[in-house]
Amino acid sequence: MIEAFTRFKKEGKARFVGFSTHSNQAALLTEAANMQFFDVVLTSYNFTMAGDKALEDAIALAASKGIGLIAMKTQARPRRRRDSATGVEEAPQGPERQTAA
Protein backbone atom coordinates (compact mmCIF):
# COMPACT_ATOMS: atom_id res chain seq x y z
CA MET A 1 0.00 0.00 0.00
CA ILE A 2 2.77 2.46 0.89
CA GLU A 3 4.45 1.77 -2.45
CA ALA A 4 1.20 2.41 -4.32
CA PHE A 5 0.52 5.65 -2.42
CA THR A 6 4.09 6.82 -3.07
CA ARG A 7 3.66 6.13 -6.79
CA PHE A 8 0.29 7.94 -6.84
CA LYS A 9 1.85 11.00 -5.22
CA LYS A 10 4.77 11.00 -7.68
CA GLU A 11 2.37 10.67 -10.62
CA GLY A 12 0.22 13.51 -9.30
CA LYS A 13 -2.77 11.21 -8.81
CA ALA A 14 -2.87 11.88 -5.07
CA ARG A 15 -1.86 15.10 -3.41
CA PHE A 16 -2.36 13.87 0.16
CA VAL A 17 -2.71 10.36 1.59
CA GLY A 18 -4.14 9.21 4.85
CA PHE A 19 -6.33 6.74 6.67
CA SER A 20 -9.24 6.59 9.08
CA THR A 21 -9.64 4.68 12.33
CA HIS A 22 -12.42 3.91 14.79
CA SER A 23 -10.24 2.09 17.35
CA ASN A 24 -6.63 1.81 18.52
CA GLN A 25 -6.25 5.52 17.84
CA ALA A 26 -3.22 6.10 20.08
CA ALA A 27 -1.19 3.26 18.59
CA LEU A 28 -2.10 4.11 15.00
CA LEU A 29 -1.44 7.84 15.39
CA THR A 30 1.91 7.13 17.02
CA GLU A 31 2.88 4.74 14.23
CA ALA A 32 1.79 7.23 11.57
CA ALA A 33 3.89 9.94 13.23
CA ASN A 34 6.92 7.67 13.38
CA MET A 35 6.52 6.62 9.73
CA GLN A 36 6.38 10.24 8.57
CA PHE A 37 4.45 9.17 5.47
CA PHE A 38 0.78 10.01 5.98
CA ASP A 39 -0.52 13.53 5.52
CA VAL A 40 -3.87 13.19 7.28
CA VAL A 41 -5.76 10.92 9.69
CA LEU A 42 -9.52 10.82 10.24
CA THR A 43 -10.04 9.48 13.76
CA SER A 44 -12.92 9.09 16.16
CA TYR A 45 -12.59 11.48 19.08
CA ASN A 46 -15.07 12.89 21.59
CA PHE A 47 -15.37 14.07 25.18
CA THR A 48 -15.64 10.53 26.52
CA MET A 49 -11.95 10.15 25.60
CA ALA A 50 -10.87 13.17 27.67
CA GLY A 51 -8.06 12.25 30.01
CA ASP A 52 -6.72 9.43 27.85
CA LYS A 53 -3.04 10.38 28.20
CA ALA A 54 -1.82 7.94 25.56
CA LEU A 55 -4.28 9.33 23.02
CA GLU A 56 -3.54 12.95 23.91
CA ASP A 57 0.21 12.28 23.55
CA ALA A 58 -0.33 10.53 20.21
CA ILE A 59 -2.41 13.44 18.90
CA ALA A 60 0.29 15.92 19.95
CA LEU A 61 3.01 13.78 18.34
CA ALA A 62 1.11 13.40 15.07
CA ALA A 63 0.39 17.13 14.93
CA SER A 64 4.05 17.95 15.64
CA LYS A 65 5.03 15.81 12.64
CA GLY A 66 2.70 17.79 10.38
CA ILE A 67 -0.10 15.24 10.13
CA GLY A 68 -3.51 16.83 9.66
CA LEU A 69 -6.05 15.44 12.11
CA ILE A 70 -9.80 15.32 11.50
CA ALA A 71 -12.13 14.23 14.29
CA MET A 72 -15.22 12.14 13.62
CA LYS A 73 -17.89 10.91 16.02
CA THR A 74 -17.39 14.10 18.02
CA GLN A 75 -20.78 13.86 19.71
CA ALA A 76 -21.67 11.23 22.25
CA ARG A 77 -25.07 10.08 23.37
CA PRO A 78 -26.28 8.25 26.47
CA ARG A 79 -25.89 4.51 26.18
CA ARG A 80 -29.21 2.81 26.84
CA ARG A 81 -29.90 -0.75 27.87
CA ARG A 82 -33.03 -2.84 28.07
CA ASP A 83 -33.73 -4.85 31.19
CA SER A 84 -34.29 -8.36 29.84
CA ALA A 85 -36.66 -9.27 32.66
CA THR A 86 -38.98 -6.25 32.48
CA GLY A 87 -38.32 -5.01 28.94
CA VAL A 88 -37.86 -1.50 30.34
CA GLU A 89 -35.21 0.62 28.64
CA GLU A 90 -33.02 2.64 30.98
CA ALA A 91 -29.97 4.89 30.79
CA PRO A 92 -27.22 4.18 33.34
CA GLN A 93 -25.84 7.14 35.29
CA GLY A 94 -22.26 8.44 35.31
CA PRO A 95 -19.55 8.70 32.64
CA GLU A 96 -19.86 5.03 31.70
CA ARG A 97 -23.28 5.84 30.25
CA GLN A 98 -21.76 7.66 27.28
CA THR A 99 -21.06 6.14 23.90
CA ALA A 100 -20.00 7.65 20.62
CA ALA A 101 -22.91 8.67 18.42
C-alpha atoms as a PDB file:
ATOM      1  CA  MET A   1       0.000   0.000   0.000  1.00  0.00           C
ATOM      2  CA  ILE A   2       2.769   2.458   0.893  1.00  0.00           C
ATOM      3  CA  GLU A   3       4.451   1.772  -2.448  1.00  0.00           C
ATOM      4  CA  ALA A   4       1.205   2.412  -4.319  1.00  0.00           C
ATOM      5  CA  PHE A   5       0.524   5.650  -2.425  1.00  0.00           C
ATOM      6  CA  THR A   6       4.090   6.821  -3.071  1.00  0.00           C
ATOM      7  CA  ARG A   7       3.656   6.134  -6.791  1.00  0.00           C
ATOM      8  CA  PHE A   8       0.286   7.940  -6.842  1.00  0.00           C
ATOM      9  CA  LYS A   9       1.855  10.998  -5.223  1.00  0.00           C
ATOM     10  CA  LYS A  10       4.772  10.996  -7.679  1.00  0.00           C
ATOM     11  CA  GLU A  11       2.374  10.674 -10.618  1.00  0.00           C
ATOM     12  CA  GLY A  12       0.221  13.509  -9.296  1.00  0.00           C
ATOM     13  CA  LYS A  13      -2.773  11.214  -8.810  1.00  0.00           C
ATOM     14  CA  ALA A  14      -2.867  11.879  -5.066  1.00  0.00           C
ATOM     15  CA  ARG A  15      -1.860  15.097  -3.406  1.00  0.00           C
ATOM     16  CA  PHE A  16      -2.357  13.866   0.161  1.00  0.00           C
ATOM     17  CA  VAL A  17      -2.707  10.359   1.587  1.00  0.00           C
ATOM     18  CA  GLY A  18      -4.136   9.207   4.854  1.00  0.00           C
ATOM     19  CA  PHE A  19      -6.332   6.738   6.667  1.00  0.00           C
ATOM     20  CA  SER A  20      -9.242   6.592   9.082  1.00  0.00           C
ATOM     21  CA  THR A  21      -9.637   4.681  12.332  1.00  0.00           C
ATOM     22  CA  HIS A  22     -12.420   3.908  14.793  1.00  0.00           C
ATOM     23  CA  SER A  23     -10.241   2.092  17.347  1.00  0.00           C
ATOM     24  CA  ASN A  24      -6.631   1.809  18.516  1.00  0.00           C
ATOM     25  CA  GLN A  25      -6.247   5.521  17.839  1.00  0.00           C
ATOM     26  CA  ALA A  26      -3.222   6.103  20.076  1.00  0.00           C
ATOM     27  CA  ALA A  27      -1.188   3.258  18.595  1.00  0.00           C
ATOM     28  CA  LEU A  28      -2.098   4.115  14.997  1.00  0.00           C
ATOM     29  CA  LEU A  29      -1.439   7.842  15.386  1.00  0.00           C
ATOM     30  CA  THR A  30       1.915   7.126  17.024  1.00  0.00           C
ATOM     31  CA  GLU A  31       2.882   4.741  14.232  1.00  0.00           C
ATOM     32  CA  ALA A  32       1.786   7.230  11.570  1.00  0.00           C
ATOM     33  CA  ALA A  33       3.888   9.943  13.227  1.00  0.00           C
ATOM     34  CA  ASN A  34       6.917   7.672  13.380  1.00  0.00           C
ATOM     35  CA  MET A  35       6.516   6.620   9.727  1.00  0.00           C
ATOM     36  CA  GLN A  36       6.384  10.243   8.566  1.00  0.00           C
ATOM     37  CA  PHE A  37       4.454   9.167   5.468  1.00  0.00           C
ATOM     38  CA  PHE A  38       0.777  10.005   5.984  1.00  0.00           C
ATOM     39  CA  ASP A  39      -0.520  13.534   5.522  1.00  0.00           C
ATOM     40  CA  VAL A  40      -3.871  13.192   7.279  1.00  0.00           C
ATOM     41  CA  VAL A  41      -5.757  10.923   9.687  1.00  0.00           C
ATOM     42  CA  LEU A  42      -9.522  10.821  10.243  1.00  0.00           C
ATOM     43  CA  THR A  43     -10.038   9.478  13.762  1.00  0.00           C
ATOM     44  CA  SER A  44     -12.921   9.085  16.162  1.00  0.00           C
ATOM     45  CA  TYR A  45     -12.591  11.481  19.083  1.00  0.00           C
ATOM     46  CA  ASN A  46     -15.071  12.889  21.590  1.00  0.00           C
ATOM     47  CA  PHE A  47     -15.366  14.071  25.176  1.00  0.00           C
ATOM     48  CA  THR A  48     -15.638  10.525  26.517  1.00  0.00           C
ATOM     49  CA  MET A  49     -11.951  10.154  25.595  1.00  0.00           C
ATOM     50  CA  ALA A  50     -10.865  13.169  27.668  1.00  0.00           C
ATOM     51  CA  GLY A  51      -8.057  12.246  30.012  1.00  0.00           C
ATOM     52  CA  ASP A  52      -6.719   9.430  27.847  1.00  0.00           C
ATOM     53  CA  LYS A  53      -3.041  10.383  28.204  1.00  0.00           C
ATOM     54  CA  ALA A  54      -1.818   7.942  25.556  1.00  0.00           C
ATOM     55  CA  LEU A  55      -4.284   9.331  23.018  1.00  0.00           C
ATOM     56  CA  GLU A  56      -3.538  12.949  23.913  1.00  0.00           C
ATOM     57  CA  ASP A  57       0.209  12.276  23.552  1.00  0.00           C
ATOM     58  CA  ALA A  58      -0.335  10.527  20.209  1.00  0.00           C
ATOM     59  CA  ILE A  59      -2.410  13.439  18.896  1.00  0.00           C
ATOM     60  CA  ALA A  60       0.286  15.915  19.949  1.00  0.00           C
ATOM     61  CA  LEU A  61       3.012  13.782  18.345  1.00  0.00           C
ATOM     62  CA  ALA A  62       1.115  13.401  15.072  1.00  0.00           C
ATOM     63  CA  ALA A  63       0.392  17.127  14.935  1.00  0.00           C
ATOM     64  CA  SER A  64       4.048  17.947  15.645  1.00  0.00           C
ATOM     65  CA  LYS A  65       5.035  15.805  12.638  1.00  0.00           C
ATOM     66  CA  GLY A  66       2.700  17.790  10.384  1.00  0.00           C
ATOM     67  CA  ILE A  67      -0.102  15.240  10.132  1.00  0.00           C
ATOM     68  CA  GLY A  68      -3.511  16.826   9.664  1.00  0.00           C
ATOM     69  CA  LEU A  69      -6.054  15.439  12.108  1.00  0.00           C
ATOM     70  CA  ILE A  70      -9.797  15.324  11.497  1.00  0.00           C
ATOM     71  CA  ALA A  71     -12.130  14.229  14.287  1.00  0.00           C
ATOM     72  CA  MET A  72     -15.221  12.143  13.617  1.00  0.00           C
ATOM     73  CA  LYS A  73     -17.887  10.913  16.022  1.00  0.00           C
ATOM     74  CA  THR A  74     -17.393  14.099  18.022  1.00  0.00           C
ATOM     75  CA  GLN A  75     -20.782  13.862  19.710  1.00  0.00           C
ATOM     76  CA  ALA A  76     -21.673  11.235  22.247  1.00  0.00           C
ATOM     77  CA  ARG A  77     -25.074  10.079  23.366  1.00  0.00           C
ATOM     78  CA  PRO A  78     -26.283   8.252  26.466  1.00  0.00           C
ATOM     79  CA  ARG A  79     -25.894   4.506  26.181  1.00  0.00           C
ATOM     80  CA  ARG A  80     -29.211   2.808  26.845  1.00  0.00           C
ATOM     81  CA  ARG A  81     -29.900  -0.747  27.874  1.00  0.00           C
ATOM     82  CA  ARG A  82     -33.033  -2.835  28.069  1.00  0.00           C
ATOM     83  CA  ASP A  83     -33.727  -4.854  31.195  1.00  0.00           C
ATOM     84  CA  SER A  84     -34.286  -8.361  29.839  1.00  0.00           C
ATOM     85  CA  ALA A  85     -36.660  -9.275  32.661  1.00  0.00           C
ATOM     86  CA  THR A  86     -38.976  -6.249  32.478  1.00  0.00           C
ATOM     87  CA  GLY A  87     -38.322  -5.009  28.936  1.00  0.00           C
ATOM     88  CA  VAL A  88     -37.858  -1.495  30.340  1.00  0.00           C
ATOM     89  CA  GLU A  89     -35.213   0.621  28.640  1.00  0.00           C
ATOM     90  CA  GLU A  90     -33.017   2.638  30.980  1.00  0.00           C
ATOM     91  CA  ALA A  91     -29.969   4.886  30.790  1.00  0.00           C
ATOM     92  CA  PRO A  92     -27.225   4.183  33.342  1.00  0.00           C
ATOM     93  CA  GLN A  93     -25.842   7.144  35.289  1.00  0.00           C
ATOM     94  CA  GLY A  94     -22.260   8.444  35.308  1.00  0.00           C
ATOM     95  CA  PRO A  95     -19.547   8.698  32.642  1.00  0.00           C
ATOM     96  CA  GLU A  96     -19.855   5.028  31.698  1.00  0.00           C
ATOM     97  CA  ARG A  97     -23.283   5.838  30.251  1.00  0.00           C
ATOM     98  CA  GLN A  98     -21.758   7.661  27.281  1.00  0.00           C
ATOM     99  CA  THR A  99     -21.061   6.138  23.904  1.00  0.00           C
ATOM    100  CA  ALA A 100     -20.001   7.655  20.617  1.00  0.00           C
ATOM    101  CA  ALA A 101     -22.906   8.669  18.423  1.00  0.00           C
END
